[in-house]
Amino acid sequence: MTRVEAWYDPDQEEAVPLTGQPDVDALLDRMLAEATQENVRVQADLHYRSDDGEAILQVGMGSDTGFVGYINDTDRVISSNGTTDPGDVSFDYMTHERVVPATSLVSITAVRQVVHTFTQSPLTRPQGPITWVAV
């Protein structure tokens, strides 16, 4: 696994390294538990940086749906569920509100799969069970 760092906790002063798939699963499990217990959608940003480039994966989770956004040097996209819902959805990112289109909400299973793909190959837009749209 490549070195990916997570920003999630409001009190965080340094990024938390995700050094293996157990770290990734622990973060995703924690996010889902907090979203469900607190009835609030939560977000983490996963960062990758190397001599070859940089990439960020924004990961949002609610109790039953979430979103992913991917940014690198040439790509800026967000997940799409194929609907035309005109509304927005708020996520809590380190005590700051982040708003995304309701059309970006996809299943938690899809979010997890994309996160795992990103941590294996962060400089390539994750492929999988979602559709991406440019932002």
N, C-alpha and C. Protein backbone atom coordinates (compact mmCIF):
# COMPACT_ATOMS: atom_id res chain seq x y z
N MET A 1 0.84 -1.18 0.00
CA MET A 1 0.00 0.00 0.00
C MET A 1 0.88 1.24 0.00
N THR A 2 0.50 2.22 -0.76
CA THR A 2 1.23 3.48 -0.79
C THR A 2 0.90 4.29 0.47
N ARG A 3 1.70 5.29 0.76
CA ARG A 3 1.47 6.07 1.97
C ARG A 3 0.40 7.13 1.72
N VAL A 4 -0.71 6.96 2.38
CA VAL A 4 -1.83 7.89 2.33
C VAL A 4 -2.03 8.40 3.75
N GLU A 5 -2.33 9.69 3.86
CA GLU A 5 -2.54 10.29 5.17
C GLU A 5 -3.98 10.79 5.27
N ALA A 6 -4.54 10.66 6.46
CA ALA A 6 -5.94 11.04 6.69
C ALA A 6 -6.05 12.26 7.60
N TRP A 7 -6.98 13.12 7.25
CA TRP A 7 -7.40 14.25 8.09
C TRP A 7 -8.86 14.02 8.41
N TYR A 8 -9.17 13.91 9.72
CA TYR A 8 -10.54 13.60 10.11
C TYR A 8 -10.94 14.25 11.43
N ASP A 9 -10.13 14.08 12.46
CA ASP A 9 -10.49 14.55 13.80
C ASP A 9 -10.38 16.07 13.92
N PRO A 10 -11.33 16.70 14.60
CA PRO A 10 -11.26 18.15 14.79
C PRO A 10 -10.00 18.62 15.52
N ASP A 11 -9.48 17.80 16.42
CA ASP A 11 -8.31 18.18 17.21
C ASP A 11 -6.99 17.80 16.55
N GLN A 12 -7.05 17.25 15.39
CA GLN A 12 -5.85 16.76 14.71
C GLN A 12 -4.91 17.90 14.34
N GLU A 13 -3.64 17.74 14.67
CA GLU A 13 -2.63 18.73 14.29
C GLU A 13 -1.69 18.20 13.22
N GLU A 14 -1.68 16.88 13.06
CA GLU A 14 -0.88 16.24 12.02
C GLU A 14 -1.72 15.17 11.35
N ALA A 15 -1.41 14.90 10.11
CA ALA A 15 -2.12 13.85 9.39
C ALA A 15 -1.82 12.49 10.01
N VAL A 16 -2.80 11.60 9.95
CA VAL A 16 -2.64 10.24 10.46
C VAL A 16 -2.31 9.33 9.28
N PRO A 17 -1.15 8.65 9.32
CA PRO A 17 -0.80 7.76 8.22
C PRO A 17 -1.68 6.51 8.21
N LEU A 18 -2.12 6.14 7.03
CA LEU A 18 -2.83 4.88 6.83
C LEU A 18 -1.82 3.92 6.23
N THR A 19 -1.27 3.06 7.05
CA THR A 19 -0.14 2.23 6.63
C THR A 19 -0.54 0.86 6.11
N GLY A 20 -1.80 0.53 6.15
CA GLY A 20 -2.26 -0.75 5.64
C GLY A 20 -3.77 -0.78 5.60
N GLN A 21 -4.32 -1.82 5.00
CA GLN A 21 -5.77 -1.93 4.87
C GLN A 21 -6.48 -1.96 6.22
N PRO A 22 -5.89 -2.54 7.29
CA PRO A 22 -6.56 -2.46 8.59
C PRO A 22 -6.75 -1.01 9.06
N ASP A 23 -5.77 -0.13 8.78
CA ASP A 23 -5.92 1.28 9.14
C ASP A 23 -7.07 1.92 8.36
N VAL A 24 -7.16 1.59 7.09
CA VAL A 24 -8.23 2.13 6.24
C VAL A 24 -9.59 1.68 6.77
N ASP A 25 -9.71 0.37 7.04
CA ASP A 25 -10.98 -0.15 7.56
C ASP A 25 -11.33 0.46 8.91
N ALA A 26 -10.33 0.65 9.77
CA ALA A 26 -10.59 1.25 11.08
C ALA A 26 -11.14 2.67 10.94
N LEU A 27 -10.57 3.45 10.03
CA LEU A 27 -11.06 4.81 9.80
C LEU A 27 -12.49 4.78 9.26
N LEU A 28 -12.75 3.95 8.27
CA LEU A 28 -14.09 3.88 7.67
C LEU A 28 -15.11 3.37 8.68
N ASP A 29 -14.74 2.38 9.48
CA ASP A 29 -15.65 1.87 10.51
C ASP A 29 -15.97 2.95 11.53
N ARG A 30 -14.95 3.70 11.93
CA ARG A 30 -15.15 4.78 12.90
C ARG A 30 -16.07 5.85 12.32
N MET A 31 -15.84 6.24 11.07
CA MET A 31 -16.68 7.24 10.44
C MET A 31 -18.14 6.79 10.39
N LEU A 32 -18.36 5.54 10.01
CA LEU A 32 -19.72 5.02 9.91
C LEU A 32 -20.38 4.97 11.29
N ALA A 33 -19.63 4.54 12.29
CA ALA A 33 -20.18 4.49 13.65
C ALA A 33 -20.54 5.88 14.14
N GLU A 34 -19.67 6.85 13.93
CA GLU A 34 -19.96 8.21 14.37
C GLU A 34 -21.13 8.81 13.62
N ALA A 35 -21.20 8.56 12.33
CA ALA A 35 -22.32 9.07 11.54
C ALA A 35 -23.64 8.49 12.02
N THR A 36 -23.63 7.21 12.34
CA THR A 36 -24.85 6.53 12.79
C THR A 36 -25.22 6.94 14.20
N GLN A 37 -24.27 6.93 15.12
CA GLN A 37 -24.56 7.25 16.53
C GLN A 37 -24.92 8.71 16.73
N GLU A 38 -24.25 9.60 16.03
CA GLU A 38 -24.47 11.03 16.21
C GLU A 38 -25.50 11.60 15.24
N ASN A 39 -25.95 10.77 14.31
CA ASN A 39 -26.90 11.19 13.28
C ASN A 39 -26.41 12.43 12.53
N VAL A 40 -25.14 12.38 12.12
CA VAL A 40 -24.54 13.47 11.36
C VAL A 40 -23.65 12.86 10.28
N ARG A 41 -23.65 13.46 9.13
CA ARG A 41 -22.76 12.98 8.06
C ARG A 41 -21.36 13.53 8.33
N VAL A 42 -20.35 12.68 8.20
CA VAL A 42 -18.97 13.07 8.51
C VAL A 42 -18.09 12.92 7.26
N GLN A 43 -16.98 13.64 7.26
CA GLN A 43 -16.07 13.62 6.11
C GLN A 43 -14.63 13.53 6.58
N ALA A 44 -13.83 12.83 5.79
CA ALA A 44 -12.38 12.79 5.96
C ALA A 44 -11.75 13.11 4.61
N ASP A 45 -10.56 13.67 4.65
CA ASP A 45 -9.78 13.88 3.43
C ASP A 45 -8.56 12.99 3.51
N LEU A 46 -8.32 12.24 2.43
CA LEU A 46 -7.16 11.37 2.33
C LEU A 46 -6.19 12.00 1.34
N HIS A 47 -4.94 12.17 1.75
CA HIS A 47 -3.94 12.86 0.93
C HIS A 47 -2.81 11.91 0.56
N TYR A 48 -2.36 12.04 -0.67
CA TYR A 48 -1.18 11.32 -1.14
C TYR A 48 -0.27 12.32 -1.84
N ARG A 49 1.02 12.23 -1.54
CA ARG A 49 2.00 13.12 -2.19
C ARG A 49 3.28 12.34 -2.41
N SER A 50 3.81 12.44 -3.63
CA SER A 50 5.10 11.83 -3.95
C SER A 50 5.76 12.67 -5.04
N ASP A 51 6.94 12.27 -5.44
CA ASP A 51 7.62 12.95 -6.55
C ASP A 51 6.83 12.82 -7.85
N ASP A 52 5.97 11.80 -7.94
CA ASP A 52 5.19 11.55 -9.15
C ASP A 52 3.91 12.38 -9.22
N GLY A 53 3.48 12.94 -8.09
CA GLY A 53 2.26 13.73 -8.11
C GLY A 53 1.55 13.73 -6.77
N GLU A 54 0.40 14.39 -6.76
CA GLU A 54 -0.42 14.49 -5.56
C GLU A 54 -1.86 14.12 -5.90
N ALA A 55 -2.58 13.63 -4.90
CA ALA A 55 -4.00 13.33 -5.07
C ALA A 55 -4.69 13.43 -3.72
N ILE A 56 -5.96 13.80 -3.77
CA ILE A 56 -6.80 13.88 -2.58
C ILE A 56 -8.09 13.13 -2.87
N LEU A 57 -8.51 12.34 -1.89
CA LEU A 57 -9.82 11.70 -1.96
C LEU A 57 -10.64 12.22 -0.79
N GLN A 58 -11.73 12.89 -1.11
CA GLN A 58 -12.67 13.34 -0.09
C GLN A 58 -13.66 12.21 0.13
N VAL A 59 -13.88 11.86 1.39
CA VAL A 59 -14.72 10.71 1.73
C VAL A 59 -15.79 11.17 2.72
N GLY A 60 -17.05 11.08 2.32
CA GLY A 60 -18.14 11.43 3.21
C GLY A 60 -18.98 10.22 3.52
N MET A 61 -19.42 10.12 4.78
CA MET A 61 -20.27 8.99 5.18
C MET A 61 -21.41 9.47 6.05
N GLY A 62 -22.60 9.00 5.70
CA GLY A 62 -23.76 9.10 6.56
C GLY A 62 -24.06 7.71 7.06
N SER A 63 -25.23 7.51 7.62
CA SER A 63 -25.55 6.19 8.15
C SER A 63 -25.83 5.17 7.06
N ASP A 64 -26.26 5.63 5.87
CA ASP A 64 -26.58 4.67 4.81
C ASP A 64 -26.04 5.06 3.43
N THR A 65 -25.60 6.28 3.27
CA THR A 65 -25.01 6.71 2.00
C THR A 65 -23.82 7.61 2.28
N GLY A 66 -23.03 7.84 1.25
CA GLY A 66 -21.88 8.73 1.37
C GLY A 66 -21.51 9.27 0.00
N PHE A 67 -20.35 9.90 -0.08
CA PHE A 67 -19.87 10.40 -1.36
C PHE A 67 -18.35 10.28 -1.38
N VAL A 68 -17.78 10.36 -2.57
CA VAL A 68 -16.34 10.46 -2.73
C VAL A 68 -16.05 11.51 -3.80
N GLY A 69 -15.01 12.28 -3.54
CA GLY A 69 -14.54 13.26 -4.51
C GLY A 69 -13.06 13.02 -4.73
N TYR A 70 -12.62 13.08 -5.96
CA TYR A 70 -11.22 12.78 -6.29
C TYR A 70 -10.59 13.98 -7.00
N ILE A 71 -9.40 14.34 -6.54
CA ILE A 71 -8.67 15.47 -7.13
C ILE A 71 -7.22 15.05 -7.32
N ASN A 72 -6.71 15.27 -8.53
CA ASN A 72 -5.26 15.16 -8.76
C ASN A 72 -4.86 16.29 -9.71
N ASP A 73 -3.68 16.21 -10.28
CA ASP A 73 -3.19 17.31 -11.13
C ASP A 73 -4.06 17.56 -12.36
N THR A 74 -4.78 16.55 -12.83
CA THR A 74 -5.55 16.69 -14.07
C THR A 74 -7.03 16.37 -13.92
N ASP A 75 -7.46 15.92 -12.77
CA ASP A 75 -8.81 15.41 -12.57
C ASP A 75 -9.45 16.06 -11.35
N ARG A 76 -10.71 16.43 -11.47
CA ARG A 76 -11.48 16.94 -10.33
C ARG A 76 -12.91 16.45 -10.53
N VAL A 77 -13.27 15.38 -9.79
CA VAL A 77 -14.56 14.73 -10.00
C VAL A 77 -15.20 14.37 -8.67
N ILE A 78 -16.51 14.10 -8.74
CA ILE A 78 -17.27 13.67 -7.57
C ILE A 78 -18.18 12.53 -7.99
N SER A 79 -18.52 11.67 -7.03
CA SER A 79 -19.40 10.54 -7.32
C SER A 79 -20.77 11.05 -7.77
N SER A 80 -21.47 10.20 -8.52
CA SER A 80 -22.80 10.54 -9.00
C SER A 80 -23.70 9.32 -8.88
N ASN A 81 -24.93 9.56 -8.44
CA ASN A 81 -25.89 8.47 -8.35
C ASN A 81 -26.86 8.46 -9.52
N GLY A 82 -26.66 9.36 -10.48
CA GLY A 82 -27.48 9.37 -11.68
C GLY A 82 -28.82 10.05 -11.55
N THR A 83 -29.13 10.61 -10.39
CA THR A 83 -30.42 11.30 -10.22
C THR A 83 -30.27 12.77 -10.57
N THR A 84 -31.37 13.47 -10.52
CA THR A 84 -31.35 14.91 -10.81
C THR A 84 -31.81 15.72 -9.60
N ASP A 85 -31.67 15.18 -8.41
CA ASP A 85 -32.06 15.87 -7.18
C ASP A 85 -31.36 17.23 -7.12
N PRO A 86 -32.12 18.33 -7.00
CA PRO A 86 -31.50 19.65 -7.01
C PRO A 86 -30.91 20.08 -5.66
N GLY A 87 -31.09 19.26 -4.62
CA GLY A 87 -30.68 19.66 -3.29
C GLY A 87 -29.21 19.45 -2.99
N ASP A 88 -28.81 19.93 -1.83
CA ASP A 88 -27.45 19.76 -1.32
C ASP A 88 -27.50 18.99 -0.01
N VAL A 89 -26.36 18.41 0.35
CA VAL A 89 -26.23 17.64 1.58
C VAL A 89 -24.99 18.13 2.31
N SER A 90 -25.11 18.31 3.63
CA SER A 90 -23.99 18.80 4.44
C SER A 90 -23.25 17.65 5.12
N PHE A 91 -21.93 17.81 5.20
CA PHE A 91 -21.06 16.88 5.90
C PHE A 91 -20.22 17.68 6.88
N ASP A 92 -19.89 17.05 8.02
CA ASP A 92 -19.05 17.68 9.02
C ASP A 92 -17.61 17.25 8.78
N TYR A 93 -16.77 18.22 8.40
CA TYR A 93 -15.35 17.96 8.20
C TYR A 93 -14.56 18.75 9.23
N MET A 94 -14.12 18.06 10.28
CA MET A 94 -13.30 18.68 11.32
C MET A 94 -13.98 19.92 11.89
N THR A 95 -15.28 19.82 12.17
CA THR A 95 -16.19 20.86 12.69
C THR A 95 -16.48 21.97 11.68
N HIS A 96 -16.21 21.75 10.42
CA HIS A 96 -16.56 22.71 9.37
C HIS A 96 -17.56 22.05 8.43
N GLU A 97 -18.55 22.81 8.03
CA GLU A 97 -19.56 22.28 7.13
C GLU A 97 -19.03 22.24 5.70
N ARG A 98 -19.19 21.10 5.07
CA ARG A 98 -18.90 20.95 3.65
C ARG A 98 -20.19 20.51 2.97
N VAL A 99 -20.53 21.15 1.89
CA VAL A 99 -21.77 20.88 1.19
C VAL A 99 -21.46 20.25 -0.16
N VAL A 100 -22.18 19.18 -0.47
CA VAL A 100 -22.04 18.51 -1.77
C VAL A 100 -23.43 18.32 -2.35
N PRO A 101 -23.52 18.14 -3.66
CA PRO A 101 -24.83 17.90 -4.28
C PRO A 101 -25.42 16.57 -3.81
N ALA A 102 -26.73 16.53 -3.62
CA ALA A 102 -27.39 15.28 -3.24
C ALA A 102 -27.19 14.21 -4.31
N THR A 103 -26.93 14.64 -5.53
CA THR A 103 -26.70 13.69 -6.62
C THR A 103 -25.39 12.93 -6.46
N SER A 104 -24.55 13.34 -5.50
CA SER A 104 -23.28 12.65 -5.29
C SER A 104 -23.38 11.48 -4.32
N LEU A 105 -24.53 11.30 -3.68
CA LEU A 105 -24.67 10.24 -2.68
C LEU A 105 -24.76 8.87 -3.32
N VAL A 106 -23.89 7.97 -2.82
CA VAL A 106 -23.84 6.59 -3.30
C VAL A 106 -23.82 5.67 -2.08
N SER A 107 -23.85 4.38 -2.30
CA SER A 107 -23.89 3.43 -1.19
C SER A 107 -22.58 3.44 -0.39
N ILE A 108 -22.69 3.08 0.87
CA ILE A 108 -21.51 2.96 1.73
C ILE A 108 -20.57 1.90 1.16
N THR A 109 -21.10 0.83 0.61
CA THR A 109 -20.27 -0.21 0.01
C THR A 109 -19.43 0.36 -1.12
N ALA A 110 -20.03 1.20 -1.95
CA ALA A 110 -19.29 1.82 -3.05
C ALA A 110 -18.22 2.76 -2.52
N VAL A 111 -18.54 3.54 -1.50
CA VAL A 111 -17.56 4.45 -0.89
C VAL A 111 -16.36 3.65 -0.40
N ARG A 112 -16.62 2.58 0.34
CA ARG A 112 -15.52 1.76 0.88
C ARG A 112 -14.65 1.21 -0.23
N GLN A 113 -15.27 0.72 -1.29
CA GLN A 113 -14.50 0.14 -2.39
C GLN A 113 -13.60 1.19 -3.04
N VAL A 114 -14.12 2.38 -3.26
CA VAL A 114 -13.33 3.45 -3.87
C VAL A 114 -12.17 3.85 -2.95
N VAL A 115 -12.42 3.93 -1.66
CA VAL A 115 -11.33 4.28 -0.73
C VAL A 115 -10.22 3.24 -0.79
N HIS A 116 -10.57 1.97 -0.77
CA HIS A 116 -9.56 0.92 -0.84
C HIS A 116 -8.78 0.98 -2.16
N THR A 117 -9.46 1.25 -3.24
CA THR A 117 -8.79 1.37 -4.53
C THR A 117 -7.82 2.56 -4.52
N PHE A 118 -8.28 3.68 -3.97
CA PHE A 118 -7.43 4.88 -3.89
C PHE A 118 -6.15 4.60 -3.10
N THR A 119 -6.26 3.91 -1.98
CA THR A 119 -5.07 3.69 -1.15
C THR A 119 -4.07 2.76 -1.83
N GLN A 120 -4.50 2.01 -2.82
CA GLN A 120 -3.60 1.13 -3.56
C GLN A 120 -2.94 1.85 -4.74
N SER A 121 -3.66 2.78 -5.35
CA SER A 121 -3.16 3.47 -6.54
C SER A 121 -3.72 4.89 -6.58
N PRO A 122 -3.18 5.78 -5.75
CA PRO A 122 -3.80 7.10 -5.57
C PRO A 122 -3.68 8.06 -6.75
N LEU A 123 -2.74 7.86 -7.63
CA LEU A 123 -2.58 8.82 -8.74
C LEU A 123 -3.49 8.53 -9.92
N THR A 124 -4.24 7.44 -9.84
CA THR A 124 -5.20 7.09 -10.87
C THR A 124 -6.60 7.17 -10.29
N ARG A 125 -7.51 7.82 -10.99
CA ARG A 125 -8.89 7.93 -10.50
C ARG A 125 -9.43 6.53 -10.23
N PRO A 126 -9.95 6.29 -9.03
CA PRO A 126 -10.47 4.96 -8.71
C PRO A 126 -11.63 4.59 -9.62
N GLN A 127 -11.59 3.38 -10.10
CA GLN A 127 -12.69 2.83 -10.89
C GLN A 127 -13.48 1.91 -9.97
N GLY A 128 -14.68 1.61 -10.32
CA GLY A 128 -15.46 0.73 -9.46
C GLY A 128 -16.93 0.93 -9.67
N PRO A 129 -17.67 0.77 -8.61
CA PRO A 129 -19.13 0.72 -8.74
C PRO A 129 -19.79 2.09 -8.80
N ILE A 130 -19.07 3.14 -9.13
CA ILE A 130 -19.68 4.47 -9.18
C ILE A 130 -19.39 5.15 -10.51
N THR A 131 -20.18 6.16 -10.76
CA THR A 131 -19.97 7.03 -11.92
C THR A 131 -19.41 8.34 -11.39
N TRP A 132 -18.47 8.91 -12.12
CA TRP A 132 -17.87 10.20 -11.75
C TRP A 132 -18.43 11.30 -12.63
N VAL A 133 -18.56 12.50 -12.05
CA VAL A 133 -18.90 13.68 -12.84
C VAL A 133 -17.91 14.78 -12.49
N ALA A 134 -17.57 15.60 -13.47
CA ALA A 134 -16.62 16.68 -13.25
C ALA A 134 -17.23 17.75 -12.37
N VAL A 135 -16.37 18.40 -11.58
CA VAL A 135 -16.82 19.53 -10.76
C VAL A 135 -16.01 20.75 -11.11
